PDB file of N, CA and C in Angstrom:
ATOM      1  N   MET A   1       0.841  -1.165   0.000  1.00  0.00           N
ATOM      2  CA  MET A   1       0.000   0.000   0.000  1.00  0.00           C
ATOM      3  C   MET A   1       0.895   1.240   0.000  1.00  0.00           C
ATOM      4  N   ASP A   2       0.575   2.206  -0.800  1.00  0.00           N
ATOM      5  CA  ASP A   2       1.334   3.443  -0.919  1.00  0.00           C
ATOM      6  C   ASP A   2       0.631   4.524  -0.104  1.00  0.00           C
ATOM      7  N   LEU A   3       1.114   4.767   1.123  1.00  0.00           N
ATOM      8  CA  LEU A   3       0.467   5.717   2.017  1.00  0.00           C
ATOM      9  C   LEU A   3       0.975   7.128   1.779  1.00  0.00           C
ATOM     10  N   ARG A   4       0.056   8.073   1.719  1.00  0.00           N
ATOM     11  CA  ARG A   4       0.401   9.479   1.541  1.00  0.00           C
ATOM     12  C   ARG A   4      -0.528  10.316   2.402  1.00  0.00           C
ATOM     13  N   TYR A   5      -0.057  11.453   2.849  1.00  0.00           N
ATOM     14  CA  TYR A   5      -0.890  12.388   3.591  1.00  0.00           C
ATOM     15  C   TYR A   5      -1.260  13.506   2.632  1.00  0.00           C
ATOM     16  N   LEU A   6      -0.580  14.600   2.661  1.00  0.00           N
ATOM     17  CA  LEU A   6      -0.785  15.692   1.713  1.00  0.00           C
ATOM     18  C   LEU A   6       0.543  15.979   1.036  1.00  0.00           C
ATOM     19  N   LYS A   7       0.508  16.254  -0.235  1.00  0.00           N
ATOM     20  CA  LYS A   7       1.733  16.497  -0.990  1.00  0.00           C
ATOM     21  C   LYS A   7       2.409  17.801  -0.534  1.00  0.00           C
ATOM     22  N   ASP A   8       3.704  17.723  -0.358  1.00  0.00           N
ATOM     23  CA  ASP A   8       4.572  18.866  -0.040  1.00  0.00           C
ATOM     24  C   ASP A   8       4.250  19.583   1.267  1.00  0.00           C
ATOM     25  N   VAL A   9       3.769  18.881   2.290  1.00  0.00           N
ATOM     26  CA  VAL A   9       3.533  19.516   3.582  1.00  0.00           C
ATOM     27  C   VAL A   9       4.398  18.940   4.706  1.00  0.00           C
ATOM     28  N   VAL A  10       5.145  17.911   4.440  1.00  0.00           N
ATOM     29  CA  VAL A  10       5.954  17.247   5.457  1.00  0.00           C
ATOM     30  C   VAL A  10       7.045  18.188   5.968  1.00  0.00           C
ATOM     31  N   THR A  11       7.259  18.175   7.272  1.00  0.00           N
ATOM     32  CA  THR A  11       8.254  19.042   7.895  1.00  0.00           C
ATOM     33  C   THR A  11       9.639  18.404   7.964  1.00  0.00           C
ATOM     34  N   LEU A  12       9.811  17.247   7.369  1.00  0.00           N
ATOM     35  CA  LEU A  12      11.069  16.506   7.398  1.00  0.00           C
ATOM     36  C   LEU A  12      12.195  17.281   6.721  1.00  0.00           C
ATOM     37  N   GLU A  13      13.336  17.368   7.417  1.00  0.00           N
ATOM     38  CA  GLU A  13      14.523  18.008   6.858  1.00  0.00           C
ATOM     39  C   GLU A  13      15.743  17.151   7.163  1.00  0.00           C
ATOM     40  N   LEU A  14      16.694  17.133   6.240  1.00  0.00           N
ATOM     41  CA  LEU A  14      17.951  16.418   6.412  1.00  0.00           C
ATOM     42  C   LEU A  14      19.087  17.394   6.177  1.00  0.00           C
ATOM     43  N   ASP A  15      19.950  17.564   7.171  1.00  0.00           N
ATOM     44  CA  ASP A  15      21.119  18.435   7.054  1.00  0.00           C
ATOM     45  C   ASP A  15      22.290  17.565   6.592  1.00  0.00           C
ATOM     46  N   SER A  16      22.570  17.595   5.318  1.00  0.00           N
ATOM     47  CA  SER A  16      23.615  16.745   4.730  1.00  0.00           C
ATOM     48  C   SER A  16      24.994  17.029   5.311  1.00  0.00           C
ATOM     49  N   ASP A  17      25.221  18.251   5.762  1.00  0.00           N
ATOM     50  CA  ASP A  17      26.520  18.590   6.357  1.00  0.00           C
ATOM     51  C   ASP A  17      26.732  17.901   7.700  1.00  0.00           C
ATOM     52  N   LYS A  18      25.661  17.646   8.439  1.00  0.00           N
ATOM     53  CA  LYS A  18      25.758  16.959   9.731  1.00  0.00           C
ATOM     54  C   LYS A  18      25.735  15.442   9.588  1.00  0.00           C
ATOM     55  N   CYS A  19      25.107  14.949   8.531  1.00  0.00           N
ATOM     56  CA  CYS A  19      24.920  13.507   8.351  1.00  0.00           C
ATOM     57  C   CYS A  19      26.253  12.782   8.250  1.00  0.00           C
ATOM     58  N   THR A  20      26.399  11.696   9.021  1.00  0.00           N
ATOM     59  CA  THR A  20      27.611  10.886   9.003  1.00  0.00           C
ATOM     60  C   THR A  20      27.482   9.662   8.105  1.00  0.00           C
ATOM     61  N   GLY A  21      26.278   9.428   7.585  1.00  0.00           N
ATOM     62  CA  GLY A  21      26.057   8.279   6.715  1.00  0.00           C
ATOM     63  C   GLY A  21      25.923   6.963   7.456  1.00  0.00           C
ATOM     64  N   CYS A  22      25.567   7.011   8.746  1.00  0.00           N
ATOM     65  CA  CYS A  22      25.455   5.770   9.527  1.00  0.00           C
ATOM     66  C   CYS A  22      24.294   4.900   9.058  1.00  0.00           C
ATOM     67  N   GLY A  23      23.268   5.513   8.494  1.00  0.00           N
ATOM     68  CA  GLY A  23      22.144   4.760   7.953  1.00  0.00           C
ATOM     69  C   GLY A  23      21.074   4.352   8.944  1.00  0.00           C
ATOM     70  N   LEU A  24      21.159   4.796  10.199  1.00  0.00           N
ATOM     71  CA  LEU A  24      20.129   4.422  11.172  1.00  0.00           C
ATOM     72  C   LEU A  24      18.743   4.863  10.728  1.00  0.00           C
ATOM     73  N   CYS A  25      18.644   6.020  10.110  1.00  0.00           N
ATOM     74  CA  CYS A  25      17.333   6.504   9.659  1.00  0.00           C
ATOM     75  C   CYS A  25      16.716   5.554   8.636  1.00  0.00           C
ATOM     76  N   THR A  26      17.537   4.928   7.824  1.00  0.00           N
ATOM     77  CA  THR A  26      17.016   3.993   6.821  1.00  0.00           C
ATOM     78  C   THR A  26      16.444   2.745   7.484  1.00  0.00           C
ATOM     79  N   HIS A  27      16.972   2.400   8.664  1.00  0.00           N
ATOM     80  CA  HIS A  27      16.512   1.203   9.369  1.00  0.00           C
ATOM     81  C   HIS A  27      15.259   1.438  10.188  1.00  0.00           C
ATOM     82  N   VAL A  28      15.110   2.636  10.768  1.00  0.00           N
ATOM     83  CA  VAL A  28      13.960   2.881  11.645  1.00  0.00           C
ATOM     84  C   VAL A  28      12.738   3.404  10.892  1.00  0.00           C
ATOM     85  N   CYS A  29      12.922   3.855   9.669  1.00  0.00           N
ATOM     86  CA  CYS A  29      11.799   4.376   8.892  1.00  0.00           C
ATOM     87  C   CYS A  29      11.073   3.233   8.195  1.00  0.00           C
ATOM     88  N   GLY A  30       9.824   3.050   8.560  1.00  0.00           N
ATOM     89  CA  GLY A  30       9.025   1.974   7.975  1.00  0.00           C
ATOM     90  C   GLY A  30       8.462   2.299   6.602  1.00  0.00           C
ATOM     91  N   HIS A  31       8.730   3.504   6.103  1.00  0.00           N
ATOM     92  CA  HIS A  31       8.168   3.926   4.826  1.00  0.00           C
ATOM     93  C   HIS A  31       9.222   4.181   3.762  1.00  0.00           C
ATOM     94  N   ALA A  32      10.452   3.750   4.027  1.00  0.00           N
ATOM     95  CA  ALA A  32      11.560   3.870   3.067  1.00  0.00           C
ATOM     96  C   ALA A  32      11.720   5.297   2.544  1.00  0.00           C
ATOM     97  N   VAL A  33      11.641   6.257   3.453  1.00  0.00           N
ATOM     98  CA  VAL A  33      11.781   7.661   3.086  1.00  0.00           C
ATOM     99  C   VAL A  33      13.239   7.990   2.765  1.00  0.00           C
ATOM    100  N   PHE A  34      14.164   7.277   3.403  1.00  0.00           N
ATOM    101  CA  PHE A  34      15.597   7.529   3.228  1.00  0.00           C
ATOM    102  C   PHE A  34      16.269   6.394   2.469  1.00  0.00           C
ATOM    103  N   VAL A  35      17.344   6.722   1.769  1.00  0.00           N
ATOM    104  CA  VAL A  35      18.216   5.718   1.153  1.00  0.00           C
ATOM    105  C   VAL A  35      19.656   6.083   1.473  1.00  0.00           C
ATOM    106  N   LEU A  36      20.467   5.067   1.587  1.00  0.00           N
ATOM    107  CA  LEU A  36      21.897   5.251   1.772  1.00  0.00           C
ATOM    108  C   LEU A  36      22.532   5.063   0.411  1.00  0.00           C
ATOM    109  N   ASN A  37      23.141   6.105  -0.098  1.00  0.00           N
ATOM    110  CA  ASN A  37      23.678   6.103  -1.454  1.00  0.00           C
ATOM    111  C   ASN A  37      25.159   6.466  -1.406  1.00  0.00           C
ATOM    112  N   GLY A  38      26.016   5.472  -1.519  1.00  0.00           N
ATOM    113  CA  GLY A  38      27.455   5.715  -1.504  1.00  0.00           C
ATOM    114  C   GLY A  38      27.950   6.319  -0.206  1.00  0.00           C
ATOM    115  N   GLY A  39      27.399   5.876   0.925  1.00  0.00           N
ATOM    116  CA  GLY A  39      27.818   6.383   2.219  1.00  0.00           C
ATOM    117  C   GLY A  39      27.169   7.695   2.626  1.00  0.00           C
ATOM    118  N   VAL A  40      26.212   8.158   1.843  1.00  0.00           N
ATOM    119  CA  VAL A  40      25.501   9.403   2.138  1.00  0.00           C
ATOM    120  C   VAL A  40      24.003   9.107   2.149  1.00  0.00           C
ATOM    121  N   VAL A  41      23.331   9.600   3.178  1.00  0.00           N
ATOM    122  CA  VAL A  41      21.878   9.414   3.263  1.00  0.00           C
ATOM    123  C   VAL A  41      21.189  10.499   2.445  1.00  0.00           C
ATOM    124  N   GLU A  42      20.148  10.085   1.742  1.00  0.00           N
ATOM    125  CA  GLU A  42      19.337  11.013   0.956  1.00  0.00           C
ATOM    126  C   GLU A  42      17.868  10.757   1.262  1.00  0.00           C
ATOM    127  N   ILE A  43      17.053  11.793   1.138  1.00  0.00           N
ATOM    128  CA  ILE A  43      15.611  11.623   1.243  1.00  0.00           C
ATOM    129  C   ILE A  43      15.121  11.202  -0.134  1.00  0.00           C
ATOM    130  N   SER A  44      14.573   9.998  -0.211  1.00  0.00           N
ATOM    131  CA  SER A  44      14.142   9.478  -1.507  1.00  0.00           C
ATOM    132  C   SER A  44      12.634   9.623  -1.735  1.00  0.00           C
ATOM    133  N   ASP A  45      11.876   9.722  -0.641  1.00  0.00           N
ATOM    134  CA  ASP A  45      10.417   9.799  -0.757  1.00  0.00           C
ATOM    135  C   ASP A  45       9.868  10.677   0.358  1.00  0.00           C
ATOM    136  N   ARG A  46      10.103  11.954   0.260  1.00  0.00           N
ATOM    137  CA  ARG A  46       9.719  12.910   1.307  1.00  0.00           C
ATOM    138  C   ARG A  46       8.223  12.837   1.630  1.00  0.00           C
ATOM    139  N   ASP A  47       7.381  12.725   0.626  1.00  0.00           N
ATOM    140  CA  ASP A  47       5.936  12.688   0.851  1.00  0.00           C
ATOM    141  C   ASP A  47       5.470  11.378   1.485  1.00  0.00           C
ATOM    142  N   GLY A  48       6.345  10.391   1.566  1.00  0.00           N
ATOM    143  CA  GLY A  48       6.018   9.135   2.229  1.00  0.00           C
ATOM    144  C   GLY A  48       6.177   9.215   3.740  1.00  0.00           C
ATOM    145  N   CYS A  49       6.784  10.297   4.223  1.00  0.00           N
ATOM    146  CA  CYS A  49       7.008  10.490   5.657  1.00  0.00           C
ATOM    147  C   CYS A  49       5.687  10.743   6.363  1.00  0.00           C
ATOM    148  N   MET A  50       5.460  10.017   7.478  1.00  0.00           N
ATOM    149  CA  MET A  50       4.247  10.259   8.255  1.00  0.00           C
ATOM    150  C   MET A  50       4.558  10.984   9.561  1.00  0.00           C
ATOM    151  N   GLU A  51       5.745  11.544   9.636  1.00  0.00           N
ATOM    152  CA  GLU A  51       6.177  12.409  10.735  1.00  0.00           C
ATOM    153  C   GLU A  51       6.091  11.754  12.108  1.00  0.00           C
ATOM    154  N   CYS A  52       6.496  10.499  12.202  1.00  0.00           N
ATOM    155  CA  CYS A  52       6.485   9.819  13.498  1.00  0.00           C
ATOM    156  C   CYS A  52       7.648  10.261  14.364  1.00  0.00           C
ATOM    157  N   GLY A  53       8.753  10.691  13.746  1.00  0.00           N
ATOM    158  CA  GLY A  53       9.906  11.187  14.482  1.00  0.00           C
ATOM    159  C   GLY A  53      10.963  10.153  14.801  1.00  0.00           C
ATOM    160  N   ALA A  54      10.765   8.905  14.397  1.00  0.00           N
ATOM    161  CA  ALA A  54      11.735   7.853  14.710  1.00  0.00           C
ATOM    162  C   ALA A  54      13.106   8.159  14.122  1.00  0.00           C
ATOM    163  N   CYS A  55      13.144   8.702  12.922  1.00  0.00           N
ATOM    164  CA  CYS A  55      14.421   9.017  12.278  1.00  0.00           C
ATOM    165  C   CYS A  55      15.188  10.069  13.067  1.00  0.00           C
ATOM    166  N   ALA A  56      14.510  11.127  13.477  1.00  0.00           N
ATOM    167  CA  ALA A  56      15.157  12.206  14.217  1.00  0.00           C
ATOM    168  C   ALA A  56      15.616  11.737  15.598  1.00  0.00           C
ATOM    169  N   MET A  57      14.789  10.934  16.266  1.00  0.00           N
ATOM    170  CA  MET A  57      15.145  10.464  17.605  1.00  0.00           C
ATOM    171  C   MET A  57      16.314   9.488  17.575  1.00  0.00           C
ATOM    172  N   ASN A  58      16.550   8.826  16.449  1.00  0.00           N
ATOM    173  CA  ASN A  58      17.625   7.839  16.352  1.00  0.00           C
ATOM    174  C   ASN A  58      18.863   8.348  15.626  1.00  0.00           C
ATOM    175  N   CYS A  59      18.854   9.582  15.182  1.00  0.00           N
ATOM    176  CA  CYS A  59      20.005  10.123  14.457  1.00  0.00           C
ATOM    177  C   CYS A  59      21.056  10.627  15.442  1.00  0.00           C
ATOM    178  N   PRO A  60      22.214   9.946  15.538  1.00  0.00           N
ATOM    179  CA  PRO A  60      23.237  10.365  16.503  1.00  0.00           C
ATOM    180  C   PRO A  60      23.883  11.710  16.142  1.00  0.00           C
ATOM    181  N   ALA A  61      23.794  12.114  14.902  1.00  0.00           N
ATOM    182  CA  ALA A  61      24.401  13.370  14.455  1.00  0.00           C
ATOM    183  C   ALA A  61      23.412  14.538  14.479  1.00  0.00           C
ATOM    184  N   GLU A  62      22.165  14.254  14.841  1.00  0.00           N
ATOM    185  CA  GLU A  62      21.094  15.263  14.832  1.00  0.00           C
ATOM    186  C   GLU A  62      20.970  15.946  13.463  1.00  0.00           C
ATOM    187  N   ALA A  63      21.112  15.134  12.425  1.00  0.00           N
ATOM    188  CA  ALA A  63      21.030  15.639  11.052  1.00  0.00           C
ATOM    189  C   ALA A  63      19.604  15.634  10.515  1.00  0.00           C
ATOM    190  N   VAL A  64      18.721  14.912  11.186  1.00  0.00           N
ATOM    191  CA  VAL A  64      17.336  14.805  10.729  1.00  0.00           C
ATOM    192  C   VAL A  64      16.435  15.550  11.713  1.00  0.00           C
ATOM    193  N   THR A  65      15.550  16.364  11.176  1.00  0.00           N
ATOM    194  CA  THR A  65      14.552  17.037  12.000  1.00  0.00           C
ATOM    195  C   THR A  65      13.185  16.840  11.370  1.00  0.00           C
ATOM    196  N   VAL A  66      12.187  16.728  12.226  1.00  0.00           N
ATOM    197  CA  VAL A  66      10.806  16.608  11.780  1.00  0.00           C
ATOM    198  C   VAL A  66       9.934  17.102  12.922  1.00  0.00           C
ATOM    199  N   ARG A  67       8.901  17.836  12.594  1.00  0.00           N
ATOM    200  CA  ARG A  67       8.019  18.384  13.619  1.00  0.00           C
ATOM    201  C   ARG A  67       6.769  17.520  13.718  1.00  0.00           C
ATOM    202  N   PRO A  68       6.669  16.700  14.765  1.00  0.00           N
ATOM    203  CA  PRO A  68       5.472  15.892  14.928  1.00  0.00           C
ATOM    204  C   PRO A  68       4.264  16.779  15.189  1.00  0.00           C
ATOM    205  N   GLY A  69       3.115  16.301  14.796  1.00  0.00           N
ATOM    206  CA  GLY A  69       1.893  17.048  15.023  1.00  0.00           C
ATOM    207  C   GLY A  69       1.316  17.624  13.757  1.00  0.00           C
ATOM    208  N   VAL A  70       1.960  17.364  12.647  1.00  0.00           N
ATOM    209  CA  VAL A  70       1.505  17.914  11.374  1.00  0.00           C
ATOM    210  C   VAL A  70       0.974  16.814  10.462  1.00  0.00           C
ATOM    211  N   GLY A  71       1.604  15.663  10.460  1.00  0.00           N
ATOM    212  CA  GLY A  71       1.303  14.646   9.454  1.00  0.00           C
ATOM    213  C   GLY A  71       0.414  13.507   9.894  1.00  0.00           C
ATOM    214  N   CYS A  72       0.440  12.488   9.096  1.00  0.00           N
ATOM    215  CA  CYS A  72      -0.412  11.313   9.215  1.00  0.00           C
ATOM    216  C   CYS A  72      -0.229  10.594  10.546  1.00  0.00           C
ATOM    217  N   ALA A  73       0.999  10.427  10.998  1.00  0.00           N
ATOM    218  CA  ALA A  73       1.249   9.695  12.239  1.00  0.00           C
ATOM    219  C   ALA A  73       0.562  10.374  13.407  1.00  0.00           C
ATOM    220  N   TRP A  74       0.639  11.681  13.444  1.00  0.00           N
ATOM    221  CA  TRP A  74       0.022  12.390  14.552  1.00  0.00           C
ATOM    222  C   TRP A  74      -1.486  12.151  14.583  1.00  0.00           C
ATOM    223  N   ALA A  75      -2.114  12.157  13.433  1.00  0.00           N
ATOM    224  CA  ALA A  75      -3.556  11.904  13.362  1.00  0.00           C
ATOM    225  C   ALA A  75      -3.874  10.494  13.848  1.00  0.00           C
ATOM    226  N   ILE A  76      -3.073   9.533  13.468  1.00  0.00           N
ATOM    227  CA  ILE A  76      -3.286   8.145  13.893  1.00  0.00           C
ATOM    228  C   ILE A  76      -3.104   8.024  15.404  1.00  0.00           C
ATOM    229  N   PHE A  77      -2.013   8.600  15.936  1.00  0.00           N
ATOM    230  CA  PHE A  77      -1.747   8.518  17.370  1.00  0.00           C
ATOM    231  C   PHE A  77      -2.823   9.228  18.176  1.00  0.00           C
ATOM    232  N   THR A  78      -3.241  10.404  17.736  1.00  0.00           N
ATOM    233  CA  THR A  78      -4.258  11.163  18.445  1.00  0.00           C
ATOM    234  C   THR A  78      -5.560  10.382  18.523  1.00  0.00           C
ATOM    235  N   ASP A  79      -5.942   9.747  17.425  1.00  0.00           N
ATOM    236  CA  ASP A  79      -7.145   8.924  17.411  1.00  0.00           C
ATOM    237  C   ASP A  79      -7.001   7.753  18.373  1.00  0.00           C
ATOM    238  N   TRP A  80      -5.830   7.124  18.380  1.00  0.00           N
ATOM    239  CA  TRP A  80      -5.578   5.999  19.285  1.00  0.00           C
ATOM    240  C   TRP A  80      -5.653   6.444  20.737  1.00  0.00           C
ATOM    241  N   PHE A  81      -5.061   7.614  21.037  1.00  0.00           N
ATOM    242  CA  PHE A  81      -5.098   8.139  22.409  1.00  0.00           C
ATOM    243  C   PHE A  81      -6.539   8.311  22.868  1.00  0.00           C
ATOM    244  N   LYS A  82      -7.374   8.857  22.008  1.00  0.00           N
ATOM    245  CA  LYS A  82      -8.779   9.084  22.362  1.00  0.00           C
ATOM    246  C   LYS A  82      -9.499   7.764  22.637  1.00  0.00           C
ATOM    247  N   LYS A  83      -9.230   6.767  21.807  1.00  0.00           N
ATOM    248  CA  LYS A  83      -9.915   5.473  21.939  1.00  0.00           C
ATOM    249  C   LYS A  83      -9.462   4.700  23.171  1.00  0.00           C
ATOM    250  N   THR A  84      -8.198   4.850  23.562  1.00  0.00           N
ATOM    251  CA  THR A  84      -7.659   4.071  24.676  1.00  0.00           C
ATOM    252  C   THR A  84      -7.688   4.821  25.992  1.00  0.00           C
ATOM    253  N   GLY A  85      -7.942   6.130  25.936  1.00  0.00           N
ATOM    254  CA  GLY A  85      -7.958   6.920  27.158  1.00  0.00           C
ATOM    255  C   GLY A  85      -6.581   7.336  27.639  1.00  0.00           C
ATOM    256  N   VAL A  86      -5.543   7.060  26.836  1.00  0.00           N
ATOM    257  CA  VAL A  86      -4.184   7.457  27.190  1.00  0.00           C
ATOM    258  C   VAL A  86      -3.992   8.911  26.795  1.00  0.00           C
ATOM    259  N   SER A  87      -3.449   9.687  27.704  1.00  0.00           N
ATOM    260  CA  SER A  87      -3.160  11.084  27.395  1.00  0.00           C
ATOM    261  C   SER A  87      -1.898  11.157  26.552  1.00  0.00           C
ATOM    262  N   GLU A  88      -1.903  12.007  25.542  1.00  0.00           N
ATOM    263  CA  GLU A  88      -0.705  12.160  24.703  1.00  0.00           C
ATOM    264  C   GLU A  88       0.472  12.653  25.531  1.00  0.00           C
ATOM    265  N   HIS A  89       0.209  13.278  26.677  1.00  0.00           N
ATOM    266  CA  HIS A  89       1.285  13.789  27.522  1.00  0.00           C
ATOM    267  C   HIS A  89       1.940  12.677  28.336  1.00  0.00           C
ATOM    268  N   GLN A  90       1.399  11.462  28.296  1.00  0.00           N
ATOM    269  CA  GLN A  90       1.970  10.322  28.987  1.00  0.00           C
ATOM    270  C   GLN A  90       2.895   9.519  28.074  1.00  0.00           C
ATOM    271  N   THR A  91       3.075   9.945  26.841  1.00  0.00           N
ATOM    272  CA  THR A  91       3.849   9.183  25.890  1.00  0.00           C
ATOM    273  C   THR A  91       5.251   9.753  25.708  1.00  0.00           C
ATOM    274  N   ALA A  92       6.151   8.941  25.198  1.00  0.00           N
ATOM    275  CA  ALA A  92       7.524   9.371  24.949  1.00  0.00           C
ATOM    276  C   ALA A  92       7.619  10.314  23.772  1.00  0.00           C
ATOM    277  N   CYS A  93       6.614  10.331  22.890  1.00  0.00           N
ATOM    278  CA  CYS A  93       6.703  11.195  21.718  1.00  0.00           C
ATOM    279  C   CYS A  93       6.160  12.592  21.975  1.00  0.00           C
ATOM    280  N   SER A  94       5.689  12.834  23.163  1.00  0.00           N
ATOM    281  CA  SER A  94       5.186  14.162  23.491  1.00  0.00           C
ATOM    282  C   SER A  94       6.354  15.127  23.689  1.00  0.00           C
ATOM    283  N   GLU A  95       6.137  16.377  23.330  1.00  0.00           N
ATOM    284  CA  GLU A  95       7.172  17.384  23.511  1.00  0.00           C
ATOM    285  C   GLU A  95       7.267  17.831  24.958  1.00  0.00           C
ATOM    286  N   ASN A  96       6.314  17.477  25.800  1.00  0.00           N
ATOM    287  CA  ASN A  96       6.322  17.908  27.217  1.00  0.00           C
ATOM    288  C   ASN A  96       7.081  16.943  28.079  1.00  0.00           C
TER     289      ASN A  96
END
């Protein structure tokens, strides 16, 4: 299935100058947004990002940034929180 939210609204950014090419982002991203190309990470499918933040949280060089709360993942998590009664402020992905 090819999941998309809205075209060209993703807040995902990659600072190539900071990137060390470790490839962790390619492993934690379930949507193949990143590729490792000759020791350098590139964003291959920016619109495939659902802004979960796993790439940014696992980047040891802090080369990846994404603002949760804008994309598809946030909508899914928010709906889940409502259904389960879990407050979003009790989760590790909360900014608080």
